[in-house]
Amino acid sequence: MTDIRLPTGLTGQVLACSVTIAGLGCFTLTGLSLLSLYQSRATALEEKRTLLNHTEQLIRQIPDLKRRYQEHQTSAASTRFLLAGQSDSETAANLVQTVQMLATRHQIEISSQETVPPHAMGHFRAIGIRIALTSNWDAFVALLDDLDHAEPRLLIKDLEIQHARTVTDATRGHSSAIDATLSITGFRADLGPPAQTAPTP
């Protein structure tokens, strides 16, 4: 068996210091690695805790969100967007009544009216009338504003305006008398299947 002799003297001291420094270096590196791993795991754990707290807060808010959603649905349902009526003819009659009421409010007399043929639009039926009237300009503008903000909602199209050819009680004394024709459209619910467009041959 060969005896291993460690260096003595200055050489031995240098070797001992080198081994000590190397050992301290390895220990330091190992400690830093473990510390970095601990910090990474601590950060990940903190992120999970934050996510869990946020999720729990959302879960606690679910009943209140459901209540607010139901209140919104109720509020939206209370605002009438559709014309009343179980048939096209009944709905058209209601539309005529609504328009006549608005015209009377502004002392406008409707000289003629005709029903526009109803047509399907998805799950809705478009119901329209075309009217002719003579009015002074201010009253006519007020009528258009009322129609634009009416409930149920109404659409105005095909508007034609010209200087009045006749004088009525409502326009007598007004220099801005006009004759106007316009189409007014509303919608009623159609619970049947949506209308399908026939394919082009």
C-alpha atoms as a PDB file:
ATOM      1  CA  MET A   1       0.000   0.000   0.000  1.00  0.00           C
ATOM      2  CA  THR A   2       1.509   3.284  -1.074  1.00  0.00           C
ATOM      3  CA  ASP A   3       1.579   6.008   1.520  1.00  0.00           C
ATOM      4  CA  ILE A   4       0.195   9.322   0.336  1.00  0.00           C
ATOM      5  CA  ARG A   5       2.023  12.183   1.834  1.00  0.00           C
ATOM      6  CA  LEU A   6       0.361  15.549   1.892  1.00  0.00           C
ATOM      7  CA  PRO A   7       2.613  18.502   1.265  1.00  0.00           C
ATOM      8  CA  THR A   8       3.752  20.383   4.282  1.00  0.00           C
ATOM      9  CA  GLY A   9       5.037  23.780   4.861  1.00  0.00           C
ATOM     10  CA  LEU A  10       4.049  26.668   2.645  1.00  0.00           C
ATOM     11  CA  THR A  11       2.869  24.348  -0.134  1.00  0.00           C
ATOM     12  CA  GLY A  12       0.614  22.498   2.251  1.00  0.00           C
ATOM     13  CA  GLN A  13      -0.825  25.750   3.535  1.00  0.00           C
ATOM     14  CA  VAL A  14      -1.538  26.974   0.004  1.00  0.00           C
ATOM     15  CA  LEU A  15      -3.189  23.665  -0.868  1.00  0.00           C
ATOM     16  CA  ALA A  16      -5.263  23.726   2.287  1.00  0.00           C
ATOM     17  CA  CYS A  17      -6.408  27.281   1.565  1.00  0.00           C
ATOM     18  CA  SER A  18      -7.267  26.338  -2.013  1.00  0.00           C
ATOM     19  CA  VAL A  19      -9.322  23.364  -0.890  1.00  0.00           C
ATOM     20  CA  THR A  20     -11.074  25.511   1.701  1.00  0.00           C
ATOM     21  CA  ILE A  21     -11.846  28.250  -0.815  1.00  0.00           C
ATOM     22  CA  ALA A  22     -13.095  25.691  -3.342  1.00  0.00           C
ATOM     23  CA  GLY A  23     -15.299  24.130  -0.686  1.00  0.00           C
ATOM     24  CA  LEU A  24     -16.678  27.505   0.321  1.00  0.00           C
ATOM     25  CA  GLY A  25     -17.281  28.293  -3.353  1.00  0.00           C
ATOM     26  CA  CYS A  26     -19.210  25.067  -3.868  1.00  0.00           C
ATOM     27  CA  PHE A  27     -21.184  25.654  -0.706  1.00  0.00           C
ATOM     28  CA  THR A  28     -21.974  29.221  -1.752  1.00  0.00           C
ATOM     29  CA  LEU A  29     -23.085  28.168  -5.220  1.00  0.00           C
ATOM     30  CA  THR A  30     -25.231  25.419  -3.761  1.00  0.00           C
ATOM     31  CA  GLY A  31     -26.747  27.852  -1.282  1.00  0.00           C
ATOM     32  CA  LEU A  32     -27.469  30.415  -4.006  1.00  0.00           C
ATOM     33  CA  SER A  33     -29.088  27.754  -6.183  1.00  0.00           C
ATOM     34  CA  LEU A  34     -31.277  26.590  -3.325  1.00  0.00           C
ATOM     35  CA  LEU A  35     -32.185  30.209  -2.464  1.00  0.00           C
ATOM     36  CA  SER A  36     -33.108  30.944  -6.090  1.00  0.00           C
ATOM     37  CA  LEU A  37     -35.238  27.788  -6.230  1.00  0.00           C
ATOM     38  CA  TYR A  38     -36.955  28.774  -2.989  1.00  0.00           C
ATOM     39  CA  GLN A  39     -37.661  32.282  -4.260  1.00  0.00           C
ATOM     40  CA  SER A  40     -39.067  30.911  -7.530  1.00  0.00           C
ATOM     41  CA  ARG A  41     -41.344  28.525  -5.688  1.00  0.00           C
ATOM     42  CA  ALA A  42     -42.380  31.282  -3.258  1.00  0.00           C
ATOM     43  CA  THR A  43     -43.222  33.580  -6.183  1.00  0.00           C
ATOM     44  CA  ALA A  44     -45.222  30.851  -7.924  1.00  0.00           C
ATOM     45  CA  LEU A  45     -47.046  30.081  -4.685  1.00  0.00           C
ATOM     46  CA  GLU A  46     -47.870  33.759  -4.179  1.00  0.00           C
ATOM     47  CA  GLU A  47     -49.226  34.002  -7.742  1.00  0.00           C
ATOM     48  CA  LYS A  48     -51.421  30.952  -7.103  1.00  0.00           C
ATOM     49  CA  ARG A  49     -52.698  32.506  -3.879  1.00  0.00           C
ATOM     50  CA  THR A  50     -53.492  35.760  -5.701  1.00  0.00           C
ATOM     51  CA  LEU A  51     -55.313  33.859  -8.455  1.00  0.00           C
ATOM     52  CA  LEU A  52     -57.242  31.855  -5.860  1.00  0.00           C
ATOM     53  CA  ASN A  53     -58.284  35.018  -3.993  1.00  0.00           C
ATOM     54  CA  HIS A  54     -59.388  36.652  -7.244  1.00  0.00           C
ATOM     55  CA  THR A  55     -61.386  33.557  -8.214  1.00  0.00           C
ATOM     56  CA  GLU A  56     -63.060  33.450  -4.813  1.00  0.00           C
ATOM     57  CA  GLN A  57     -64.020  37.127  -5.151  1.00  0.00           C
ATOM     58  CA  LEU A  58     -65.562  36.435  -8.548  1.00  0.00           C
ATOM     59  CA  ILE A  59     -67.484  33.476  -7.157  1.00  0.00           C
ATOM     60  CA  ARG A  60     -68.850  35.656  -4.358  1.00  0.00           C
ATOM     61  CA  GLN A  61     -69.991  38.204  -6.954  1.00  0.00           C
ATOM     62  CA  ILE A  62     -71.994  35.664  -9.001  1.00  0.00           C
ATOM     63  CA  PRO A  63     -75.291  36.107  -7.068  1.00  0.00           C
ATOM     64  CA  ASP A  64     -75.079  39.894  -7.395  1.00  0.00           C
ATOM     65  CA  LEU A  65     -74.221  39.640 -11.093  1.00  0.00           C
ATOM     66  CA  LYS A  66     -77.212  37.344 -11.658  1.00  0.00           C
ATOM     67  CA  ARG A  67     -79.477  39.792  -9.834  1.00  0.00           C
ATOM     68  CA  ARG A  68     -78.198  42.741 -11.882  1.00  0.00           C
ATOM     69  CA  TYR A  69     -78.605  40.760 -15.104  1.00  0.00           C
ATOM     70  CA  GLN A  70     -82.204  39.899 -14.241  1.00  0.00           C
ATOM     71  CA  GLU A  71     -82.923  43.548 -13.376  1.00  0.00           C
ATOM     72  CA  HIS A  72     -81.447  44.604 -16.710  1.00  0.00           C
ATOM     73  CA  GLN A  73     -83.542  42.046 -18.556  1.00  0.00           C
ATOM     74  CA  THR A  74     -86.664  43.242 -16.760  1.00  0.00           C
ATOM     75  CA  SER A  75     -85.859  46.873 -17.518  1.00  0.00           C
ATOM     76  CA  ALA A  76     -85.231  46.090 -21.192  1.00  0.00           C
ATOM     77  CA  ALA A  77     -88.472  44.133 -21.415  1.00  0.00           C
ATOM     78  CA  SER A  78     -90.384  47.062 -19.948  1.00  0.00           C
ATOM     79  CA  THR A  79     -89.330  49.257 -22.887  1.00  0.00           C
ATOM     80  CA  ARG A  80     -91.534  48.407 -25.857  1.00  0.00           C
ATOM     81  CA  PHE A  81     -89.626  48.107 -29.090  1.00  0.00           C
ATOM     82  CA  LEU A  82     -92.230  46.089 -30.989  1.00  0.00           C
ATOM     83  CA  LEU A  83     -95.715  46.946 -32.150  1.00  0.00           C
ATOM     84  CA  ALA A  84     -98.578  45.173 -30.415  1.00  0.00           C
ATOM     85  CA  GLY A  85    -100.750  42.829 -32.415  1.00  0.00           C
ATOM     86  CA  GLN A  86    -101.284  39.161 -33.129  1.00  0.00           C
ATOM     87  CA  SER A  87    -101.652  39.636 -36.888  1.00  0.00           C
ATOM     88  CA  ASP A  88    -100.378  41.961 -39.592  1.00  0.00           C
ATOM     89  CA  SER A  89    -103.748  43.715 -39.903  1.00  0.00           C
ATOM     90  CA  GLU A  90    -104.100  44.253 -36.152  1.00  0.00           C
ATOM     91  CA  THR A  91    -100.524  45.535 -35.916  1.00  0.00           C
ATOM     92  CA  ALA A  92    -101.067  47.883 -38.870  1.00  0.00           C
ATOM     93  CA  ALA A  93    -104.183  49.271 -37.164  1.00  0.00           C
ATOM     94  CA  ASN A  94    -102.162  49.922 -34.005  1.00  0.00           C
ATOM     95  CA  LEU A  95     -99.467  51.631 -36.070  1.00  0.00           C
ATOM     96  CA  VAL A  96    -102.063  53.883 -37.737  1.00  0.00           C
ATOM     97  CA  GLN A  97    -103.505  54.772 -34.336  1.00  0.00           C
ATOM     98  CA  THR A  98    -100.051  55.653 -32.972  1.00  0.00           C
ATOM     99  CA  VAL A  99     -99.201  57.868 -35.961  1.00  0.00           C
ATOM    100  CA  GLN A 100    -102.573  59.611 -35.873  1.00  0.00           C
ATOM    101  CA  MET A 101    -102.175  60.301 -32.162  1.00  0.00           C
ATOM    102  CA  LEU A 102     -98.761  61.893 -32.725  1.00  0.00           C
ATOM    103  CA  ALA A 103    -100.063  63.954 -35.664  1.00  0.00           C
ATOM    104  CA  THR A 104    -103.038  65.186 -33.631  1.00  0.00           C
ATOM    105  CA  ARG A 105    -100.677  66.275 -30.861  1.00  0.00           C
ATOM    106  CA  HIS A 106     -99.140  68.764 -33.309  1.00  0.00           C
ATOM    107  CA  GLN A 107    -102.458  69.695 -34.968  1.00  0.00           C
ATOM    108  CA  ILE A 108    -101.469  67.951 -38.194  1.00  0.00           C
ATOM    109  CA  GLU A 109    -104.217  66.380 -40.268  1.00  0.00           C
ATOM    110  CA  ILE A 110    -103.287  63.303 -42.297  1.00  0.00           C
ATOM    111  CA  SER A 111    -104.860  63.695 -45.740  1.00  0.00           C
ATOM    112  CA  SER A 112    -104.299  60.114 -46.904  1.00  0.00           C
ATOM    113  CA  GLN A 113    -102.767  56.870 -45.749  1.00  0.00           C
ATOM    114  CA  GLU A 114    -102.190  53.439 -47.204  1.00  0.00           C
ATOM    115  CA  THR A 115    -100.817  50.230 -45.788  1.00  0.00           C
ATOM    116  CA  VAL A 116     -97.496  48.999 -47.130  1.00  0.00           C
ATOM    117  CA  PRO A 117     -97.482  45.213 -47.753  1.00  0.00           C
ATOM    118  CA  PRO A 118     -95.952  43.537 -44.679  1.00  0.00           C
ATOM    119  CA  HIS A 119     -92.870  41.369 -45.110  1.00  0.00           C
ATOM    120  CA  ALA A 120     -90.779  39.066 -42.959  1.00  0.00           C
ATOM    121  CA  MET A 121     -87.421  40.072 -41.528  1.00  0.00           C
ATOM    122  CA  GLY A 122     -85.986  37.099 -39.657  1.00  0.00           C
ATOM    123  CA  HIS A 123     -88.133  36.545 -36.574  1.00  0.00           C
ATOM    124  CA  PHE A 124     -89.964  39.843 -37.122  1.00  0.00           C
ATOM    125  CA  ARG A 125     -92.646  41.224 -39.404  1.00  0.00           C
ATOM    126  CA  ALA A 126     -92.149  44.708 -40.866  1.00  0.00           C
ATOM    127  CA  ILE A 127     -95.449  46.599 -40.817  1.00  0.00           C
ATOM    128  CA  GLY A 128     -95.591  49.915 -42.636  1.00  0.00           C
ATOM    129  CA  ILE A 129     -97.913  52.683 -43.748  1.00  0.00           C
ATOM    130  CA  ARG A 130     -97.405  55.590 -46.131  1.00  0.00           C
ATOM    131  CA  ILE A 131     -99.090  58.859 -45.246  1.00  0.00           C
ATOM    132  CA  ALA A 132     -99.567  62.257 -46.851  1.00  0.00           C
ATOM    133  CA  LEU A 133    -100.104  65.434 -44.860  1.00  0.00           C
ATOM    134  CA  THR A 134    -100.067  69.209 -45.016  1.00  0.00           C
ATOM    135  CA  SER A 135     -98.429  71.074 -42.163  1.00  0.00           C
ATOM    136  CA  ASN A 136     -96.405  74.079 -41.191  1.00  0.00           C
ATOM    137  CA  TRP A 137     -92.703  73.425 -40.976  1.00  0.00           C
ATOM    138  CA  ASP A 138     -92.279  73.696 -37.181  1.00  0.00           C
ATOM    139  CA  ALA A 139     -95.111  71.267 -36.472  1.00  0.00           C
ATOM    140  CA  PHE A 140     -93.774  68.824 -39.073  1.00  0.00           C
ATOM    141  CA  VAL A 141     -90.280  68.860 -37.542  1.00  0.00           C
ATOM    142  CA  ALA A 142     -91.806  68.246 -34.107  1.00  0.00           C
ATOM    143  CA  LEU A 143     -93.772  65.306 -35.532  1.00  0.00           C
ATOM    144  CA  LEU A 144     -90.611  63.791 -37.034  1.00  0.00           C
ATOM    145  CA  ASP A 145     -88.868  64.134 -33.675  1.00  0.00           C
ATOM    146  CA  ASP A 146     -91.739  62.364 -31.913  1.00  0.00           C
ATOM    147  CA  LEU A 147     -91.705  59.578 -34.480  1.00  0.00           C
ATOM    148  CA  ASP A 148     -87.950  59.193 -34.026  1.00  0.00           C
ATOM    149  CA  HIS A 149     -88.294  58.826 -30.242  1.00  0.00           C
ATOM    150  CA  ALA A 150     -91.561  56.896 -30.205  1.00  0.00           C
ATOM    151  CA  GLU A 151     -92.075  53.643 -28.335  1.00  0.00           C
ATOM    152  CA  PRO A 152     -92.497  51.216 -29.938  1.00  0.00           C
ATOM    153  CA  ARG A 153     -89.632  52.243 -32.207  1.00  0.00           C
ATOM    154  CA  LEU A 154     -90.557  53.433 -35.686  1.00  0.00           C
ATOM    155  CA  LEU A 155     -88.504  53.956 -38.835  1.00  0.00           C
ATOM    156  CA  ILE A 156     -89.082  56.770 -41.334  1.00  0.00           C
ATOM    157  CA  LYS A 157     -88.095  56.488 -44.981  1.00  0.00           C
ATOM    158  CA  ASP A 158     -89.051  57.669 -48.485  1.00  0.00           C
ATOM    159  CA  LEU A 159     -89.628  61.202 -47.220  1.00  0.00           C
ATOM    160  CA  GLU A 160     -90.802  63.709 -49.824  1.00  0.00           C
ATOM    161  CA  ILE A 161     -91.407  67.411 -49.067  1.00  0.00           C
ATOM    162  CA  GLN A 162     -92.655  70.291 -51.232  1.00  0.00           C
ATOM    163  CA  HIS A 163     -94.351  73.650 -50.763  1.00  0.00           C
ATOM    164  CA  ALA A 164     -98.001  73.277 -49.822  1.00  0.00           C
ATOM    165  CA  ARG A 165    -100.400  73.551 -52.759  1.00  0.00           C
ATOM    166  CA  THR A 166    -103.437  74.141 -50.539  1.00  0.00           C
ATOM    167  CA  VAL A 167    -104.053  76.079 -47.359  1.00  0.00           C
ATOM    168  CA  THR A 168    -105.545  74.347 -44.324  1.00  0.00           C
ATOM    169  CA  ASP A 169    -106.619  75.633 -40.951  1.00  0.00           C
ATOM    170  CA  ALA A 170    -103.332  74.374 -39.504  1.00  0.00           C
ATOM    171  CA  THR A 171    -101.198  76.158 -42.110  1.00  0.00           C
ATOM    172  CA  ARG A 172    -103.195  79.356 -42.514  1.00  0.00           C
ATOM    173  CA  GLY A 173    -100.973  82.309 -41.755  1.00  0.00           C
ATOM    174  CA  HIS A 174     -97.752  80.226 -42.014  1.00  0.00           C
ATOM    175  CA  SER A 175     -95.311  81.001 -44.815  1.00  0.00           C
ATOM    176  CA  SER A 176     -93.552  77.649 -44.320  1.00  0.00           C
ATOM    177  CA  ALA A 177     -96.501  75.388 -45.133  1.00  0.00           C
ATOM    178  CA  ILE A 178     -95.466  72.096 -46.766  1.00  0.00           C
ATOM    179  CA  ASP A 179     -96.954  68.991 -48.280  1.00  0.00           C
ATOM    180  CA  ALA A 180     -95.136  65.842 -47.209  1.00  0.00           C
ATOM    181  CA  THR A 181     -95.377  62.121 -47.821  1.00  0.00           C
ATOM    182  CA  LEU A 182     -93.440  59.555 -45.869  1.00  0.00           C
ATOM    183  CA  SER A 183     -93.374  55.864 -45.027  1.00  0.00           C
ATOM    184  CA  ILE A 184     -93.420  54.774 -41.388  1.00  0.00           C
ATOM    185  CA  THR A 185     -92.402  51.238 -40.452  1.00  0.00           C
ATOM    186  CA  GLY A 186     -92.662  49.310 -37.199  1.00  0.00           C
ATOM    187  CA  PHE A 187     -92.075  45.679 -36.283  1.00  0.00           C
ATOM    188  CA  ARG A 188     -94.008  42.967 -34.557  1.00  0.00           C
ATOM    189  CA  ALA A 189     -92.756  39.680 -33.193  1.00  0.00           C
ATOM    190  CA  ASP A 190     -93.095  36.639 -35.408  1.00  0.00           C
ATOM    191  CA  LEU A 191     -92.576  33.478 -33.391  1.00  0.00           C
ATOM    192  CA  GLY A 192     -92.495  31.292 -36.475  1.00  0.00           C
ATOM    193  CA  PRO A 193     -89.241  30.121 -38.108  1.00  0.00           C
ATOM    194  CA  PRO A 194     -87.157  32.822 -39.837  1.00  0.00           C
ATOM    195  CA  ALA A 195     -88.087  33.417 -43.425  1.00  0.00           C
ATOM    196  CA  GLN A 196     -85.773  31.680 -45.874  1.00  0.00           C
ATOM    197  CA  THR A 197     -84.729  33.380 -49.050  1.00  0.00           C
ATOM    198  CA  ALA A 198     -85.451  31.215 -52.062  1.00  0.00           C
ATOM    199  CA  PRO A 199     -82.258  30.213 -53.916  1.00  0.00           C
ATOM    200  CA  THR A 200     -81.648  31.854 -57.252  1.00  0.00           C
ATOM    201  CA  PRO A 201     -82.019  29.278 -60.059  1.00  0.00           C
END
